[in-house]
Amino acid sequence: DTTGNNYMHKFCNDTDDECDPAPTNYTALTTIPQTLKTPVANAETVAFQLEITTPTTPTDFSEQSAAVTVQASAI
């Protein structure tokens, strides 16, 4: 929902060609950790795309920022 002052943050796995068709294949970022790819081998890289959708009817026109944390963990 991008009404009001709501922003939408999404990501997709570009390495596995999961970004097409954009933006329907993107996973929403939430306050709960989301999985980008599993398993990932040692020294393997995973390319990903981030998307931030701006509000359609904003009332706050001040500068905004968004922090995104990417975390890798061994299982």
N, C-alpha and C. Protein backbone atom coordinates (compact mmCIF):
# COMPACT_ATOMS: atom_id res chain seq x y z
N ASP A 1 0.84 -1.18 0.00
CA ASP A 1 0.00 0.00 0.00
C ASP A 1 0.89 1.24 0.00
N THR A 2 0.91 1.97 -1.08
CA THR A 2 1.75 3.16 -1.17
C THR A 2 0.92 4.44 -1.05
N THR A 3 -0.24 4.35 -0.39
CA THR A 3 -1.03 5.56 -0.17
C THR A 3 -0.48 6.30 1.04
N GLY A 4 -0.93 7.53 1.23
CA GLY A 4 -0.44 8.32 2.37
C GLY A 4 1.06 8.49 2.28
N ASN A 5 1.75 8.23 3.38
CA ASN A 5 3.20 8.36 3.42
C ASN A 5 3.88 7.00 3.51
N ASN A 6 3.26 5.97 2.96
CA ASN A 6 3.81 4.61 3.04
C ASN A 6 4.75 4.33 1.88
N TYR A 7 5.90 3.77 2.22
CA TYR A 7 6.88 3.33 1.24
C TYR A 7 6.87 1.81 1.21
N MET A 8 7.14 1.22 0.05
CA MET A 8 7.24 -0.24 -0.05
C MET A 8 8.68 -0.59 -0.40
N HIS A 9 9.25 -1.51 0.37
CA HIS A 9 10.63 -1.97 0.16
C HIS A 9 10.57 -3.43 -0.24
N LYS A 10 11.23 -3.78 -1.34
CA LYS A 10 11.19 -5.16 -1.84
C LYS A 10 12.57 -5.58 -2.33
N PHE A 11 12.78 -6.90 -2.44
CA PHE A 11 14.03 -7.42 -2.98
C PHE A 11 13.75 -8.64 -3.83
N CYS A 12 14.73 -9.00 -4.69
CA CYS A 12 14.65 -10.23 -5.47
C CYS A 12 16.05 -10.78 -5.70
N ASN A 13 16.13 -12.06 -6.00
CA ASN A 13 17.40 -12.77 -6.24
C ASN A 13 17.72 -12.69 -7.73
N ASP A 14 18.70 -11.86 -8.06
CA ASP A 14 19.09 -11.67 -9.46
C ASP A 14 19.96 -12.82 -9.96
N THR A 15 20.72 -13.45 -9.07
CA THR A 15 21.59 -14.56 -9.46
C THR A 15 20.77 -15.71 -10.04
N ASP A 16 19.63 -16.00 -9.45
CA ASP A 16 18.78 -17.10 -9.91
C ASP A 16 17.70 -16.64 -10.87
N ASP A 17 17.86 -15.43 -11.44
CA ASP A 17 16.91 -14.87 -12.41
C ASP A 17 15.48 -14.83 -11.87
N GLU A 18 15.34 -14.45 -10.60
CA GLU A 18 14.01 -14.39 -9.98
C GLU A 18 13.43 -12.98 -9.99
N CYS A 19 14.05 -12.06 -10.73
CA CYS A 19 13.59 -10.67 -10.71
C CYS A 19 12.61 -10.33 -11.83
N ASP A 20 12.37 -11.23 -12.72
CA ASP A 20 11.44 -10.98 -13.82
C ASP A 20 10.19 -11.81 -13.65
N PRO A 21 9.03 -11.28 -13.89
CA PRO A 21 8.79 -9.90 -14.28
C PRO A 21 8.77 -8.98 -13.06
N ALA A 22 9.50 -7.90 -13.16
CA ALA A 22 9.54 -6.92 -12.06
C ALA A 22 8.27 -6.08 -12.09
N PRO A 23 7.75 -5.66 -11.01
CA PRO A 23 8.18 -5.96 -9.65
C PRO A 23 7.39 -7.10 -9.02
N THR A 24 6.67 -7.89 -9.80
CA THR A 24 5.79 -8.90 -9.22
C THR A 24 6.53 -10.03 -8.54
N ASN A 25 7.77 -10.28 -8.90
CA ASN A 25 8.54 -11.37 -8.31
C ASN A 25 9.38 -10.92 -7.12
N TYR A 26 9.17 -9.73 -6.63
CA TYR A 26 9.94 -9.21 -5.51
C TYR A 26 9.31 -9.63 -4.19
N THR A 27 10.13 -9.82 -3.16
CA THR A 27 9.67 -10.17 -1.82
C THR A 27 9.68 -8.91 -0.96
N ALA A 28 8.61 -8.68 -0.24
CA ALA A 28 8.53 -7.49 0.60
C ALA A 28 9.48 -7.58 1.78
N LEU A 29 10.18 -6.48 2.05
CA LEU A 29 11.01 -6.39 3.25
C LEU A 29 10.10 -6.02 4.42
N THR A 30 10.29 -6.69 5.53
CA THR A 30 9.52 -6.41 6.73
C THR A 30 10.48 -6.29 7.90
N THR A 31 9.95 -6.16 9.09
CA THR A 31 10.80 -6.12 10.27
C THR A 31 11.25 -7.52 10.68
N ILE A 32 10.70 -8.53 10.03
CA ILE A 32 11.09 -9.92 10.26
C ILE A 32 12.09 -10.31 9.17
N PRO A 33 13.23 -10.91 9.53
CA PRO A 33 14.21 -11.29 8.51
C PRO A 33 13.61 -12.17 7.41
N GLN A 34 14.00 -11.89 6.17
CA GLN A 34 13.54 -12.64 5.00
C GLN A 34 14.72 -13.38 4.40
N THR A 35 14.47 -14.52 3.76
CA THR A 35 15.54 -15.31 3.15
C THR A 35 15.70 -14.93 1.68
N LEU A 36 16.92 -14.60 1.30
CA LEU A 36 17.23 -14.30 -0.10
C LEU A 36 17.55 -15.57 -0.86
N LYS A 37 18.40 -16.42 -0.31
CA LYS A 37 18.78 -17.66 -0.98
C LYS A 37 19.33 -18.63 0.06
N THR A 38 18.97 -19.88 -0.09
CA THR A 38 19.51 -20.92 0.77
C THR A 38 19.53 -22.23 0.01
N PRO A 39 20.55 -23.03 0.07
CA PRO A 39 21.83 -22.75 0.72
C PRO A 39 22.72 -21.91 -0.19
N VAL A 40 23.75 -21.31 0.41
CA VAL A 40 24.77 -20.57 -0.33
C VAL A 40 26.11 -21.18 0.03
N ALA A 41 26.84 -21.63 -0.98
CA ALA A 41 28.14 -22.28 -0.74
C ALA A 41 29.19 -21.25 -0.32
N ASN A 42 30.24 -21.73 0.35
CA ASN A 42 31.36 -20.85 0.71
C ASN A 42 31.89 -20.19 -0.56
N ALA A 43 32.19 -18.92 -0.48
CA ALA A 43 32.75 -18.11 -1.57
C ALA A 43 31.76 -17.87 -2.71
N GLU A 44 30.52 -18.33 -2.58
CA GLU A 44 29.50 -18.05 -3.60
C GLU A 44 28.98 -16.63 -3.40
N THR A 45 28.65 -15.97 -4.49
CA THR A 45 28.05 -14.64 -4.40
C THR A 45 26.61 -14.71 -4.89
N VAL A 46 25.79 -13.84 -4.36
CA VAL A 46 24.39 -13.76 -4.77
C VAL A 46 24.08 -12.30 -5.07
N ALA A 47 23.72 -12.03 -6.31
CA ALA A 47 23.33 -10.67 -6.71
C ALA A 47 21.85 -10.49 -6.42
N PHE A 48 21.49 -9.31 -5.95
CA PHE A 48 20.08 -9.06 -5.69
C PHE A 48 19.74 -7.62 -6.05
N GLN A 49 18.45 -7.37 -6.21
CA GLN A 49 17.97 -6.03 -6.51
C GLN A 49 17.08 -5.58 -5.37
N LEU A 50 17.14 -4.29 -5.07
CA LEU A 50 16.26 -3.68 -4.08
C LEU A 50 15.36 -2.70 -4.80
N GLU A 51 14.13 -2.62 -4.35
CA GLU A 51 13.19 -1.65 -4.91
C GLU A 51 12.52 -0.91 -3.77
N ILE A 52 12.48 0.40 -3.86
CA ILE A 52 11.72 1.22 -2.92
C ILE A 52 10.70 1.99 -3.72
N THR A 53 9.43 1.75 -3.44
CA THR A 53 8.35 2.43 -4.13
C THR A 53 7.89 3.60 -3.27
N THR A 54 7.83 4.77 -3.86
CA THR A 54 7.46 5.96 -3.11
C THR A 54 5.94 6.10 -3.02
N PRO A 55 5.46 6.87 -2.06
CA PRO A 55 4.01 7.04 -1.88
C PRO A 55 3.36 7.69 -3.10
N THR A 56 2.12 7.29 -3.35
CA THR A 56 1.38 7.86 -4.48
C THR A 56 0.71 9.18 -4.10
N THR A 57 0.39 9.34 -2.82
CA THR A 57 -0.26 10.57 -2.36
C THR A 57 0.41 11.07 -1.08
N PRO A 58 1.68 11.48 -1.16
CA PRO A 58 2.38 11.88 0.06
C PRO A 58 1.89 13.21 0.61
N THR A 59 2.01 13.34 1.92
CA THR A 59 1.76 14.63 2.57
C THR A 59 3.03 15.14 3.24
N ASP A 60 4.04 14.29 3.36
CA ASP A 60 5.32 14.66 3.95
C ASP A 60 6.35 14.74 2.83
N PHE A 61 6.81 15.95 2.53
CA PHE A 61 7.74 16.15 1.43
C PHE A 61 9.18 16.35 1.89
N SER A 62 9.46 16.04 3.16
CA SER A 62 10.83 16.16 3.65
C SER A 62 11.67 15.00 3.14
N GLU A 63 12.99 15.17 3.20
CA GLU A 63 13.91 14.12 2.74
C GLU A 63 13.73 12.87 3.60
N GLN A 64 13.73 11.72 2.95
CA GLN A 64 13.55 10.44 3.63
C GLN A 64 14.78 9.57 3.41
N SER A 65 15.00 8.60 4.28
CA SER A 65 16.08 7.64 4.10
C SER A 65 15.60 6.27 4.55
N ALA A 66 16.23 5.25 4.03
CA ALA A 66 15.86 3.87 4.38
C ALA A 66 17.12 3.07 4.62
N ALA A 67 17.18 2.41 5.75
CA ALA A 67 18.32 1.54 6.07
C ALA A 67 17.93 0.09 5.78
N VAL A 68 18.78 -0.60 5.04
CA VAL A 68 18.56 -2.02 4.75
C VAL A 68 19.79 -2.78 5.22
N THR A 69 19.59 -3.78 6.05
CA THR A 69 20.69 -4.59 6.56
C THR A 69 20.68 -5.94 5.88
N VAL A 70 21.82 -6.34 5.32
CA VAL A 70 21.96 -7.66 4.70
C VAL A 70 22.84 -8.49 5.63
N GLN A 71 22.33 -9.64 6.02
CA GLN A 71 23.04 -10.49 6.97
C GLN A 71 23.20 -11.88 6.38
N ALA A 72 24.39 -12.43 6.52
CA ALA A 72 24.65 -13.81 6.10
C ALA A 72 24.94 -14.64 7.34
N SER A 73 24.47 -15.87 7.33
CA SER A 73 24.72 -16.73 8.49
C SER A 73 24.99 -18.15 8.03
N ALA A 74 25.84 -18.81 8.77
CA ALA A 74 26.15 -20.22 8.51
C ALA A 74 25.13 -21.09 9.23
N ILE A 75 24.69 -22.12 8.55
CA ILE A 75 23.70 -23.02 9.17
C ILE A 75 24.40 -24.28 9.62
